[in-house]
Amino acid sequence: MTARLRKVLQYLALAVIAFFLGWALYGHWEEVRTYQWSFNYALLALSLGVMLASLCLYAWQWRVSLRCLGAAIGFIKVLRIYFIGNLGRYIPGKIWQFLGWFYLFEREGVSPVQTLTSIAVNQVIQNMTGLALAFVVLTGIRSTELSGRLLPLLIVIPLGLVVIQPFVLERLLNWALRLFKREPVVIELTAWDLARFAALHLLCWLGYGLAFYLFTRALYPVSLERLPALVGIFAGAWVIGFLSFLAPGGLGVREGILVYLLGFYLPSHVAIVVTLLSRLWVTAAELMGTALAFGFDGLGGALPWGHGRVPVEGKGQGAAPDGLG
């Protein structure tokens, strides 16, 4: 696919999605206009706090994976690199986020091979755990029988145990990298390492989903019974949006999926408003994380889990100071 054709398809996809979102908003405009909207600012602030904490957990998880690859680095530095590079998601092309991470990690002494391996492993595990969570939750809650609710777990758990085998994940990764004409990677990790990464990613998804539920509840009195559904919907929409190569940061794609799926659990006009505002909400949390990382950066030298790398024989890139990770 040529660069010109890709750009045309990007604009076309965004135009189509914008049309359908606009049409949905137009069709429910009277309900949106006449509904007595009330914002619970305490819940809104809490939702931002939970989302920010979940994003920080992702950065900590990334530091854990880098340590397993022998490239120890202070948590604050990983936090700063993660949030700064993550802003590249909103630039068309899908590469700027990763180029930023490569550049910033290399400045801190992490080799490109270690960065590539950590990114590749984390992206695969993050997307697979997100899709698995969405599948288990959204399939399970539609069944009234216990057997029907357990069936998704009986499908996902065995598949997960297969995927976290290093040789299986390495083959999957290198197959995907070949599609994008990238160099293959060698995974020098154990199944236990990959299982830990999967567990941490699952915790991140649960945190994102809880934050999204609190955000939704700040706008509309959705019952606690809807929490599992909103967790699964947010995870599924986020992953599919990320995997859509025609839209920067999943722009439009995530929103289209959210409007459709939320419509099963919320009034249509509420689903539309929640969806449109959720993009601003996520961006606000990411910008708060960037500001937080820069604020902590000045304290990194005084924190035991901040800046430094302590050279240790046999580690290549140094070992982390005492502290988190």
C-alpha atoms as a PDB file:
ATOM      1  CA  MET A   1       0.000   0.000   0.000  1.00  0.00           C
ATOM      2  CA  THR A   2       1.465   3.333  -1.056  1.00  0.00           C
ATOM      3  CA  ALA A   3       1.748   6.258   1.344  1.00  0.00           C
ATOM      4  CA  ARG A   4      -0.709   8.290  -0.746  1.00  0.00           C
ATOM      5  CA  LEU A   5      -3.301   5.508  -0.766  1.00  0.00           C
ATOM      6  CA  ARG A   6      -2.908   4.983   2.976  1.00  0.00           C
ATOM      7  CA  LYS A   7      -3.489   8.686   3.612  1.00  0.00           C
ATOM      8  CA  VAL A   8      -6.584   8.668   1.382  1.00  0.00           C
ATOM      9  CA  LEU A   9      -7.949   5.637   3.234  1.00  0.00           C
ATOM     10  CA  GLN A  10      -7.246   7.305   6.576  1.00  0.00           C
ATOM     11  CA  TYR A  11      -9.254  10.381   5.661  1.00  0.00           C
ATOM     12  CA  LEU A  12     -11.998   8.255   4.104  1.00  0.00           C
ATOM     13  CA  ALA A  13     -12.301   6.042   7.187  1.00  0.00           C
ATOM     14  CA  LEU A  14     -12.416   9.050   9.506  1.00  0.00           C
ATOM     15  CA  ALA A  15     -15.024  10.724   7.294  1.00  0.00           C
ATOM     16  CA  VAL A  16     -17.253   7.635   7.282  1.00  0.00           C
ATOM     17  CA  ILE A  17     -16.998   7.194  11.051  1.00  0.00           C
ATOM     18  CA  ALA A  18     -17.600  10.909  11.653  1.00  0.00           C
ATOM     19  CA  PHE A  19     -20.673  10.751   9.391  1.00  0.00           C
ATOM     20  CA  PHE A  20     -22.258   7.869  11.281  1.00  0.00           C
ATOM     21  CA  LEU A  21     -21.442   9.376  14.684  1.00  0.00           C
ATOM     22  CA  GLY A  22     -22.871  12.692  13.526  1.00  0.00           C
ATOM     23  CA  TRP A  23     -25.959  10.973  12.143  1.00  0.00           C
ATOM     24  CA  ALA A  24     -26.487   9.149  15.436  1.00  0.00           C
ATOM     25  CA  LEU A  25     -26.122  12.413  17.348  1.00  0.00           C
ATOM     26  CA  TYR A  26     -28.529  14.152  14.961  1.00  0.00           C
ATOM     27  CA  GLY A  27     -31.092  11.371  15.371  1.00  0.00           C
ATOM     28  CA  HIS A  28     -31.022  11.702  19.162  1.00  0.00           C
ATOM     29  CA  TRP A  29     -30.353  15.431  19.387  1.00  0.00           C
ATOM     30  CA  GLU A  30     -33.721  16.246  20.919  1.00  0.00           C
ATOM     31  CA  GLU A  31     -33.104  13.754  23.737  1.00  0.00           C
ATOM     32  CA  VAL A  32     -29.586  15.094  24.259  1.00  0.00           C
ATOM     33  CA  ARG A  33     -30.860  18.680  24.332  1.00  0.00           C
ATOM     34  CA  THR A  34     -33.787  18.103  26.689  1.00  0.00           C
ATOM     35  CA  TYR A  35     -32.149  15.640  29.083  1.00  0.00           C
ATOM     36  CA  GLN A  36     -31.381  17.152  32.491  1.00  0.00           C
ATOM     37  CA  TRP A  37     -27.637  16.549  32.537  1.00  0.00           C
ATOM     38  CA  SER A  38     -25.964  16.742  35.937  1.00  0.00           C
ATOM     39  CA  PHE A  39     -22.247  16.184  36.468  1.00  0.00           C
ATOM     40  CA  ASN A  40     -20.921  14.546  39.603  1.00  0.00           C
ATOM     41  CA  TYR A  41     -17.561  16.301  39.814  1.00  0.00           C
ATOM     42  CA  ALA A  42     -16.357  14.136  42.691  1.00  0.00           C
ATOM     43  CA  LEU A  43     -16.875  10.970  40.631  1.00  0.00           C
ATOM     44  CA  LEU A  44     -15.309  12.663  37.612  1.00  0.00           C
ATOM     45  CA  ALA A  45     -12.199  13.502  39.626  1.00  0.00           C
ATOM     46  CA  LEU A  46     -12.126   9.971  41.054  1.00  0.00           C
ATOM     47  CA  SER A  47     -12.390   8.479  37.565  1.00  0.00           C
ATOM     48  CA  LEU A  48      -9.414  10.558  36.406  1.00  0.00           C
ATOM     49  CA  GLY A  49      -7.452   9.452  39.464  1.00  0.00           C
ATOM     50  CA  VAL A  50      -8.185   5.758  38.841  1.00  0.00           C
ATOM     51  CA  MET A  51      -7.314   6.088  35.142  1.00  0.00           C
ATOM     52  CA  LEU A  52      -4.074   7.888  35.966  1.00  0.00           C
ATOM     53  CA  ALA A  53      -3.149   5.229  38.534  1.00  0.00           C
ATOM     54  CA  SER A  54      -3.844   2.503  35.956  1.00  0.00           C
ATOM     55  CA  LEU A  55      -1.636   4.225  33.378  1.00  0.00           C
ATOM     56  CA  CYS A  56       1.129   4.487  35.972  1.00  0.00           C
ATOM     57  CA  LEU A  57       0.694   0.767  36.700  1.00  0.00           C
ATOM     58  CA  TYR A  58       1.257   0.122  32.996  1.00  0.00           C
ATOM     59  CA  ALA A  59       4.518   2.080  33.137  1.00  0.00           C
ATOM     60  CA  TRP A  60       5.608   0.116  36.223  1.00  0.00           C
ATOM     61  CA  GLN A  61       4.757  -3.122  34.432  1.00  0.00           C
ATOM     62  CA  TRP A  62       6.921  -1.962  31.517  1.00  0.00           C
ATOM     63  CA  ARG A  63       9.811  -1.391  33.879  1.00  0.00           C
ATOM     64  CA  VAL A  64       9.363  -4.939  35.194  1.00  0.00           C
ATOM     65  CA  SER A  65       9.585  -6.314  31.652  1.00  0.00           C
ATOM     66  CA  LEU A  66      12.691  -4.236  30.905  1.00  0.00           C
ATOM     67  CA  ARG A  67      14.359  -5.585  34.030  1.00  0.00           C
ATOM     68  CA  CYS A  68      13.610  -9.129  32.918  1.00  0.00           C
ATOM     69  CA  LEU A  69      15.405  -8.278  29.665  1.00  0.00           C
ATOM     70  CA  GLY A  70      18.444  -6.975  31.576  1.00  0.00           C
ATOM     71  CA  ALA A  71      17.812  -3.271  30.933  1.00  0.00           C
ATOM     72  CA  ALA A  72      17.102  -1.854  34.371  1.00  0.00           C
ATOM     73  CA  ILE A  73      16.025   1.762  34.577  1.00  0.00           C
ATOM     74  CA  GLY A  74      14.398   3.918  37.245  1.00  0.00           C
ATOM     75  CA  PHE A  75      10.614   3.863  37.416  1.00  0.00           C
ATOM     76  CA  ILE A  76      10.293   7.642  37.082  1.00  0.00           C
ATOM     77  CA  LYS A  77      12.297   7.595  33.858  1.00  0.00           C
ATOM     78  CA  VAL A  78      10.099   4.844  32.436  1.00  0.00           C
ATOM     79  CA  LEU A  79       7.027   6.788  33.540  1.00  0.00           C
ATOM     80  CA  ARG A  80       8.239   9.935  31.780  1.00  0.00           C
ATOM     81  CA  ILE A  81       9.229   8.075  28.609  1.00  0.00           C
ATOM     82  CA  TYR A  82       5.922   6.231  28.510  1.00  0.00           C
ATOM     83  CA  PHE A  83       3.741   9.322  28.798  1.00  0.00           C
ATOM     84  CA  ILE A  84       5.798  11.491  26.436  1.00  0.00           C
ATOM     85  CA  GLY A  85       6.058   8.809  23.762  1.00  0.00           C
ATOM     86  CA  ASN A  86       2.406   7.898  24.192  1.00  0.00           C
ATOM     87  CA  LEU A  87       1.356  11.310  22.883  1.00  0.00           C
ATOM     88  CA  GLY A  88       2.591  10.155  19.463  1.00  0.00           C
ATOM     89  CA  ARG A  89      -0.526   7.962  19.217  1.00  0.00           C
ATOM     90  CA  TYR A  90      -2.445  11.003  18.066  1.00  0.00           C
ATOM     91  CA  ILE A  91      -0.207  11.596  15.043  1.00  0.00           C
ATOM     92  CA  PRO A  92      -1.292   9.717  11.879  1.00  0.00           C
ATOM     93  CA  GLY A  93       0.969   6.860  10.887  1.00  0.00           C
ATOM     94  CA  LYS A  94       1.178   4.687  14.033  1.00  0.00           C
ATOM     95  CA  ILE A  95       4.994   4.938  14.117  1.00  0.00           C
ATOM     96  CA  TRP A  96       5.607   8.180  16.020  1.00  0.00           C
ATOM     97  CA  GLN A  97       4.685   6.715  19.387  1.00  0.00           C
ATOM     98  CA  PHE A  98       7.215   3.919  18.936  1.00  0.00           C
ATOM     99  CA  LEU A  99       9.931   6.129  17.442  1.00  0.00           C
ATOM    100  CA  GLY A 100       9.621   8.392  20.465  1.00  0.00           C
ATOM    101  CA  TRP A 101      10.010   5.471  22.835  1.00  0.00           C
ATOM    102  CA  PHE A 102      13.060   4.150  20.969  1.00  0.00           C
ATOM    103  CA  TYR A 103      14.754   7.546  21.007  1.00  0.00           C
ATOM    104  CA  LEU A 104      14.028   8.289  24.664  1.00  0.00           C
ATOM    105  CA  PHE A 105      14.987   4.831  25.938  1.00  0.00           C
ATOM    106  CA  GLU A 106      18.243   4.871  23.974  1.00  0.00           C
ATOM    107  CA  ARG A 107      19.126   8.174  25.640  1.00  0.00           C
ATOM    108  CA  GLU A 108      18.800   6.370  28.977  1.00  0.00           C
ATOM    109  CA  GLY A 109      21.094   3.517  27.968  1.00  0.00           C
ATOM    110  CA  VAL A 110      18.475   0.941  26.977  1.00  0.00           C
ATOM    111  CA  SER A 111      19.483  -0.831  23.775  1.00  0.00           C
ATOM    112  CA  PRO A 112      17.135  -0.738  20.741  1.00  0.00           C
ATOM    113  CA  VAL A 113      16.880  -4.544  20.857  1.00  0.00           C
ATOM    114  CA  GLN A 114      15.688  -4.473  24.464  1.00  0.00           C
ATOM    115  CA  THR A 115      13.253  -1.663  23.695  1.00  0.00           C
ATOM    116  CA  LEU A 116      11.877  -3.455  20.624  1.00  0.00           C
ATOM    117  CA  THR A 117      11.468  -6.734  22.490  1.00  0.00           C
ATOM    118  CA  SER A 118       9.734  -5.096  25.458  1.00  0.00           C
ATOM    119  CA  ILE A 119       7.388  -3.114  23.202  1.00  0.00           C
ATOM    120  CA  ALA A 120       6.553  -6.123  21.041  1.00  0.00           C
ATOM    121  CA  VAL A 121       5.917  -8.433  23.985  1.00  0.00           C
ATOM    122  CA  ASN A 122       3.847  -5.861  25.869  1.00  0.00           C
ATOM    123  CA  GLN A 123       1.757  -4.864  22.853  1.00  0.00           C
ATOM    124  CA  VAL A 124       0.861  -8.471  22.110  1.00  0.00           C
ATOM    125  CA  ILE A 125       0.061  -9.335  25.727  1.00  0.00           C
ATOM    126  CA  GLN A 126      -1.828  -6.080  26.292  1.00  0.00           C
ATOM    127  CA  ASN A 127      -4.040  -6.556  23.243  1.00  0.00           C
ATOM    128  CA  MET A 128      -4.623 -10.255  23.900  1.00  0.00           C
ATOM    129  CA  THR A 129      -5.557  -9.729  27.551  1.00  0.00           C
ATOM    130  CA  GLY A 130      -7.840  -6.839  26.580  1.00  0.00           C
ATOM    131  CA  LEU A 131      -9.652  -8.887  23.950  1.00  0.00           C
ATOM    132  CA  ALA A 132      -9.804 -11.889  26.287  1.00  0.00           C
ATOM    133  CA  LEU A 133     -11.335  -9.766  29.051  1.00  0.00           C
ATOM    134  CA  ALA A 134     -13.889  -8.300  26.656  1.00  0.00           C
ATOM    135  CA  PHE A 135     -14.787 -11.757  25.340  1.00  0.00           C
ATOM    136  CA  VAL A 136     -15.105 -13.363  28.771  1.00  0.00           C
ATOM    137  CA  VAL A 137     -17.150 -10.534  30.279  1.00  0.00           C
ATOM    138  CA  LEU A 138     -19.434  -9.688  27.360  1.00  0.00           C
ATOM    139  CA  THR A 139     -20.094 -13.340  26.551  1.00  0.00           C
ATOM    140  CA  GLY A 140     -20.505 -14.445  30.150  1.00  0.00           C
ATOM    141  CA  ILE A 141     -22.942 -11.758  31.270  1.00  0.00           C
ATOM    142  CA  ARG A 142     -25.351 -12.635  28.472  1.00  0.00           C
ATOM    143  CA  SER A 143     -25.860 -16.089  29.952  1.00  0.00           C
ATOM    144  CA  THR A 144     -28.077 -16.771  32.952  1.00  0.00           C
ATOM    145  CA  GLU A 145     -26.617 -20.227  33.545  1.00  0.00           C
ATOM    146  CA  LEU A 146     -23.401 -20.773  35.509  1.00  0.00           C
ATOM    147  CA  SER A 147     -22.102 -23.106  32.810  1.00  0.00           C
ATOM    148  CA  GLY A 148     -22.630 -20.407  30.201  1.00  0.00           C
ATOM    149  CA  ARG A 149     -20.705 -17.891  32.277  1.00  0.00           C
ATOM    150  CA  LEU A 150     -17.820 -20.305  32.840  1.00  0.00           C
ATOM    151  CA  LEU A 151     -17.570 -21.388  29.202  1.00  0.00           C
ATOM    152  CA  PRO A 152     -15.628 -18.280  28.054  1.00  0.00           C
ATOM    153  CA  LEU A 153     -13.068 -18.903  30.806  1.00  0.00           C
ATOM    154  CA  LEU A 154     -12.715 -22.519  29.711  1.00  0.00           C
ATOM    155  CA  ILE A 155     -11.855 -21.219  26.240  1.00  0.00           C
ATOM    156  CA  VAL A 156      -9.581 -18.324  27.190  1.00  0.00           C
ATOM    157  CA  ILE A 157      -7.501 -19.900  29.973  1.00  0.00           C
ATOM    158  CA  PRO A 158      -6.126 -22.843  27.922  1.00  0.00           C
ATOM    159  CA  LEU A 159      -5.366 -20.519  25.007  1.00  0.00           C
ATOM    160  CA  GLY A 160      -3.620 -18.137  27.383  1.00  0.00           C
ATOM    161  CA  LEU A 161      -1.489 -20.926  28.831  1.00  0.00           C
ATOM    162  CA  VAL A 162      -0.378 -21.814  25.305  1.00  0.00           C
ATOM    163  CA  VAL A 163       0.386 -18.238  24.257  1.00  0.00           C
ATOM    164  CA  ILE A 164       2.565 -17.468  27.302  1.00  0.00           C
ATOM    165  CA  GLN A 165       4.972 -20.216  26.281  1.00  0.00           C
ATOM    166  CA  PRO A 166       8.039 -18.265  25.068  1.00  0.00           C
ATOM    167  CA  PHE A 167       8.530 -20.218  21.832  1.00  0.00           C
ATOM    168  CA  VAL A 168       4.847 -19.789  20.895  1.00  0.00           C
ATOM    169  CA  LEU A 169       4.835 -16.056  21.610  1.00  0.00           C
ATOM    170  CA  GLU A 170       8.135 -15.617  19.757  1.00  0.00           C
ATOM    171  CA  ARG A 171       6.696 -17.237  16.636  1.00  0.00           C
ATOM    172  CA  LEU A 172       3.545 -15.129  16.822  1.00  0.00           C
ATOM    173  CA  LEU A 173       5.572 -11.956  17.274  1.00  0.00           C
ATOM    174  CA  ASN A 174       7.970 -12.657  14.439  1.00  0.00           C
ATOM    175  CA  TRP A 175       5.107 -13.556  12.126  1.00  0.00           C
ATOM    176  CA  ALA A 176       3.529 -10.167  12.872  1.00  0.00           C
ATOM    177  CA  LEU A 177       6.864  -8.365  12.516  1.00  0.00           C
ATOM    178  CA  ARG A 178       7.429  -9.940   9.100  1.00  0.00           C
ATOM    179  CA  LEU A 179       4.085  -8.549   7.946  1.00  0.00           C
ATOM    180  CA  PHE A 180       5.430  -5.071   8.693  1.00  0.00           C
ATOM    181  CA  LYS A 181       8.883  -5.863   7.289  1.00  0.00           C
ATOM    182  CA  ARG A 182      10.553  -5.588  10.690  1.00  0.00           C
ATOM    183  CA  GLU A 183      13.478  -7.556  12.055  1.00  0.00           C
ATOM    184  CA  PRO A 184      12.608 -10.643  14.135  1.00  0.00           C
ATOM    185  CA  VAL A 185      13.161 -10.678  17.889  1.00  0.00           C
ATOM    186  CA  VAL A 186      14.440 -13.346  20.245  1.00  0.00           C
ATOM    187  CA  ILE A 187      12.457 -13.672  23.480  1.00  0.00           C
ATOM    188  CA  GLU A 188      14.761 -14.534  26.350  1.00  0.00           C
ATOM    189  CA  LEU A 189      11.948 -14.715  28.862  1.00  0.00           C
ATOM    190  CA  THR A 190      10.375 -17.545  30.826  1.00  0.00           C
ATOM    191  CA  ALA A 191       6.736 -18.593  30.872  1.00  0.00           C
ATOM    192  CA  TRP A 192       6.600 -17.253  34.438  1.00  0.00           C
ATOM    193  CA  ASP A 193       7.796 -13.842  33.220  1.00  0.00           C
ATOM    194  CA  LEU A 194       5.098 -13.761  30.551  1.00  0.00           C
ATOM    195  CA  ALA A 195       2.447 -14.905  33.034  1.00  0.00           C
ATOM    196  CA  ARG A 196       3.411 -12.026  35.349  1.00  0.00           C
ATOM    197  CA  PHE A 197       3.171  -9.572  32.461  1.00  0.00           C
ATOM    198  CA  ALA A 198      -0.279 -10.917  31.549  1.00  0.00           C
ATOM    199  CA  ALA A 199      -1.482 -10.592  35.156  1.00  0.00           C
ATOM    200  CA  LEU A 200      -0.245  -6.992  35.364  1.00  0.00           C
ATOM    201  CA  HIS A 201      -1.860  -6.113  32.035  1.00  0.00           C
ATOM    202  CA  LEU A 202      -5.120  -7.637  33.248  1.00  0.00           C
ATOM    203  CA  LEU A 203      -4.949  -5.445  36.360  1.00  0.00           C
ATOM    204  CA  CYS A 204      -4.411  -2.428  34.094  1.00  0.00           C
ATOM    205  CA  TRP A 205      -7.494  -3.311  32.036  1.00  0.00           C
ATOM    206  CA  LEU A 206      -9.591  -3.726  35.162  1.00  0.00           C
ATOM    207  CA  GLY A 207      -8.373  -0.318  36.324  1.00  0.00           C
ATOM    208  CA  TYR A 208      -9.202   1.305  32.974  1.00  0.00           C
ATOM    209  CA  GLY A 209     -12.649  -0.293  33.044  1.00  0.00           C
ATOM    210  CA  LEU A 210     -13.378   0.816  36.605  1.00  0.00           C
ATOM    211  CA  ALA A 211     -12.291   4.344  35.710  1.00  0.00           C
ATOM    212  CA  PHE A 212     -14.584   4.322  32.669  1.00  0.00           C
ATOM    213  CA  TYR A 213     -17.493   3.131  34.807  1.00  0.00           C
ATOM    214  CA  LEU A 214     -16.883   5.959  37.297  1.00  0.00           C
ATOM    215  CA  PHE A 215     -16.653   8.442  34.420  1.00  0.00           C
ATOM    216  CA  THR A 216     -19.952   7.185  32.999  1.00  0.00           C
ATOM    217  CA  ARG A 217     -21.587   7.299  36.423  1.00  0.00           C
ATOM    218  CA  ALA A 218     -20.426  10.902  36.810  1.00  0.00           C
ATOM    219  CA  LEU A 219     -22.660  11.721  33.821  1.00  0.00           C
ATOM    220  CA  TYR A 220     -25.506   9.247  34.230  1.00  0.00           C
ATOM    221  CA  PRO A 221     -26.749   7.104  37.181  1.00  0.00           C
ATOM    222  CA  VAL A 222     -25.699   3.745  35.744  1.00  0.00           C
ATOM    223  CA  SER A 223     -26.143   0.870  38.205  1.00  0.00           C
ATOM    224  CA  LEU A 224     -23.264  -1.102  39.700  1.00  0.00           C
ATOM    225  CA  GLU A 225     -24.605  -4.184  37.886  1.00  0.00           C
ATOM    226  CA  ARG A 226     -23.394  -2.596  34.638  1.00  0.00           C
ATOM    227  CA  LEU A 227     -19.790  -2.406  35.849  1.00  0.00           C
ATOM    228  CA  PRO A 228     -18.642  -5.718  34.259  1.00  0.00           C
ATOM    229  CA  ALA A 229     -20.257  -4.793  30.941  1.00  0.00           C
ATOM    230  CA  LEU A 230     -18.599  -1.371  30.845  1.00  0.00           C
ATOM    231  CA  VAL A 231     -15.222  -2.908  31.730  1.00  0.00           C
ATOM    232  CA  GLY A 232     -15.504  -5.368  28.841  1.00  0.00           C
ATOM    233  CA  ILE A 233     -16.813  -2.766  26.396  1.00  0.00           C
ATOM    234  CA  PHE A 234     -14.014  -0.316  27.136  1.00  0.00           C
ATOM    235  CA  ALA A 235     -11.314  -2.990  26.811  1.00  0.00           C
ATOM    236  CA  GLY A 236     -12.676  -4.311  23.521  1.00  0.00           C
ATOM    237  CA  ALA A 237     -13.175  -0.861  21.996  1.00  0.00           C
ATOM    238  CA  TRP A 238      -9.703   0.294  23.080  1.00  0.00           C
ATOM    239  CA  VAL A 239      -7.943  -2.726  21.529  1.00  0.00           C
ATOM    240  CA  ILE A 240      -9.878  -2.638  18.265  1.00  0.00           C
ATOM    241  CA  GLY A 241      -9.250   1.093  18.014  1.00  0.00           C
ATOM    242  CA  PHE A 242      -5.529   0.552  18.588  1.00  0.00           C
ATOM    243  CA  LEU A 243      -5.371  -2.173  15.954  1.00  0.00           C
ATOM    244  CA  SER A 244      -7.091   0.022  13.351  1.00  0.00           C
ATOM    245  CA  PHE A 245      -4.158   1.231  11.294  1.00  0.00           C
ATOM    246  CA  LEU A 246      -6.252   3.784   9.432  1.00  0.00           C
ATOM    247  CA  ALA A 247      -6.881   6.047  12.419  1.00  0.00           C
ATOM    248  CA  PRO A 248      -4.338   7.756  14.703  1.00  0.00           C
ATOM    249  CA  GLY A 249      -4.819   6.604  18.283  1.00  0.00           C
ATOM    250  CA  GLY A 250      -7.933   4.680  17.220  1.00  0.00           C
ATOM    251  CA  LEU A 251      -9.638   8.038  16.593  1.00  0.00           C
ATOM    252  CA  GLY A 252     -13.227   7.448  15.540  1.00  0.00           C
ATOM    253  CA  VAL A 253     -12.969   3.656  15.520  1.00  0.00           C
ATOM    254  CA  ARG A 254     -13.037   3.360  19.297  1.00  0.00           C
ATOM    255  CA  GLU A 255     -15.895   5.840  19.481  1.00  0.00           C
ATOM    256  CA  GLY A 256     -17.957   3.969  16.894  1.00  0.00           C
ATOM    257  CA  ILE A 257     -17.609   0.700  18.807  1.00  0.00           C
ATOM    258  CA  LEU A 258     -18.366   2.383  22.132  1.00  0.00           C
ATOM    259  CA  VAL A 259     -21.565   3.981  20.821  1.00  0.00           C
ATOM    260  CA  TYR A 260     -22.757   0.666  19.414  1.00  0.00           C
ATOM    261  CA  LEU A 261     -21.976  -1.496  22.457  1.00  0.00           C
ATOM    262  CA  LEU A 262     -22.985   1.049  25.093  1.00  0.00           C
ATOM    263  CA  GLY A 263     -26.349   1.284  23.354  1.00  0.00           C
ATOM    264  CA  PHE A 264     -27.186  -2.159  24.753  1.00  0.00           C
ATOM    265  CA  TYR A 265     -26.785  -0.932  28.340  1.00  0.00           C
ATOM    266  CA  LEU A 266     -27.464   2.828  28.284  1.00  0.00           C
ATOM    267  CA  PRO A 267     -30.023   5.075  26.590  1.00  0.00           C
ATOM    268  CA  SER A 268     -28.781   5.905  23.091  1.00  0.00           C
ATOM    269  CA  HIS A 269     -28.393   9.630  23.733  1.00  0.00           C
ATOM    270  CA  VAL A 270     -26.393   8.927  26.912  1.00  0.00           C
ATOM    271  CA  ALA A 271     -24.168   6.435  25.074  1.00  0.00           C
ATOM    272  CA  ILE A 272     -23.392   9.058  22.417  1.00  0.00           C
ATOM    273  CA  VAL A 273     -22.503  11.800  24.911  1.00  0.00           C
ATOM    274  CA  VAL A 274     -20.423   9.458  27.097  1.00  0.00           C
ATOM    275  CA  THR A 275     -18.549   8.248  24.027  1.00  0.00           C
ATOM    276  CA  LEU A 276     -17.803  11.715  22.665  1.00  0.00           C
ATOM    277  CA  LEU A 277     -16.603  12.994  26.042  1.00  0.00           C
ATOM    278  CA  SER A 278     -14.571   9.854  26.808  1.00  0.00           C
ATOM    279  CA  ARG A 279     -11.898  10.802  24.266  1.00  0.00           C
ATOM    280  CA  LEU A 280     -11.327  14.120  26.053  1.00  0.00           C
ATOM    281  CA  TRP A 281     -11.373  12.297  29.395  1.00  0.00           C
ATOM    282  CA  VAL A 282      -8.658   9.814  28.355  1.00  0.00           C
ATOM    283  CA  THR A 283      -6.537  12.583  26.850  1.00  0.00           C
ATOM    284  CA  ALA A 284      -6.870  14.595  30.072  1.00  0.00           C
ATOM    285  CA  ALA A 285      -5.644  11.604  32.106  1.00  0.00           C
ATOM    286  CA  GLU A 286      -2.674  11.135  29.762  1.00  0.00           C
ATOM    287  CA  LEU A 287      -1.749  14.818  29.969  1.00  0.00           C
ATOM    288  CA  MET A 288      -2.015  14.635  33.761  1.00  0.00           C
ATOM    289  CA  GLY A 289       0.356  11.677  33.641  1.00  0.00           C
ATOM    290  CA  THR A 290       2.837  13.610  31.517  1.00  0.00           C
ATOM    291  CA  ALA A 291       2.727  16.540  33.941  1.00  0.00           C
ATOM    292  CA  LEU A 292       3.097  14.161  36.888  1.00  0.00           C
ATOM    293  CA  ALA A 293       6.102  12.471  35.296  1.00  0.00           C
ATOM    294  CA  PHE A 294       7.845  15.797  34.722  1.00  0.00           C
ATOM    295  CA  GLY A 295       7.028  16.844  38.274  1.00  0.00           C
ATOM    296  CA  PHE A 296       8.514  13.675  39.743  1.00  0.00           C
ATOM    297  CA  ASP A 297      11.497  13.879  37.395  1.00  0.00           C
ATOM    298  CA  GLY A 298      12.977  16.666  39.457  1.00  0.00           C
ATOM    299  CA  LEU A 299      12.715  14.487  42.576  1.00  0.00           C
ATOM    300  CA  GLY A 300      14.067  11.340  40.936  1.00  0.00           C
ATOM    301  CA  GLY A 301      17.522  11.611  42.419  1.00  0.00           C
ATOM    302  CA  ALA A 302      16.067  11.766  45.922  1.00  0.00           C
ATOM    303  CA  LEU A 303      13.747   8.801  45.446  1.00  0.00           C
ATOM    304  CA  PRO A 304      15.008   5.217  45.818  1.00  0.00           C
ATOM    305  CA  TRP A 305      12.940   4.190  42.784  1.00  0.00           C
ATOM    306  CA  GLY A 306      13.671   7.249  40.650  1.00  0.00           C
ATOM    307  CA  HIS A 307      16.475   7.867  38.203  1.00  0.00           C
ATOM    308  CA  GLY A 308      19.456   5.695  38.410  1.00  0.00           C
ATOM    309  CA  ARG A 309      20.951   2.664  36.817  1.00  0.00           C
ATOM    310  CA  VAL A 310      23.606   0.957  38.927  1.00  0.00           C
ATOM    311  CA  PRO A 311      26.089  -0.970  36.762  1.00  0.00           C
ATOM    312  CA  VAL A 312      26.282  -4.619  37.755  1.00  0.00           C
ATOM    313  CA  GLU A 313      28.484  -7.194  36.147  1.00  0.00           C
ATOM    314  CA  GLY A 314      26.570  -9.503  33.840  1.00  0.00           C
ATOM    315  CA  LYS A 315      23.573  -7.222  33.382  1.00  0.00           C
ATOM    316  CA  GLY A 316      24.842  -5.349  30.359  1.00  0.00           C
ATOM    317  CA  GLN A 317      22.728  -2.246  30.856  1.00  0.00           C
ATOM    318  CA  GLY A 318      22.913  -2.051  34.640  1.00  0.00           C
ATOM    319  CA  ALA A 319      20.691  -3.089  37.471  1.00  0.00           C
ATOM    320  CA  ALA A 320      17.957  -1.075  39.039  1.00  0.00           C
ATOM    321  CA  PRO A 321      18.357   0.609  42.382  1.00  0.00           C
ATOM    322  CA  ASP A 322      16.437  -0.791  45.306  1.00  0.00           C
ATOM    323  CA  GLY A 323      12.739  -0.062  45.183  1.00  0.00           C
ATOM    324  CA  LEU A 324       9.749  -0.800  42.981  1.00  0.00           C
ATOM    325  CA  GLY A 325       9.864  -3.340  40.194  1.00  0.00           C
END
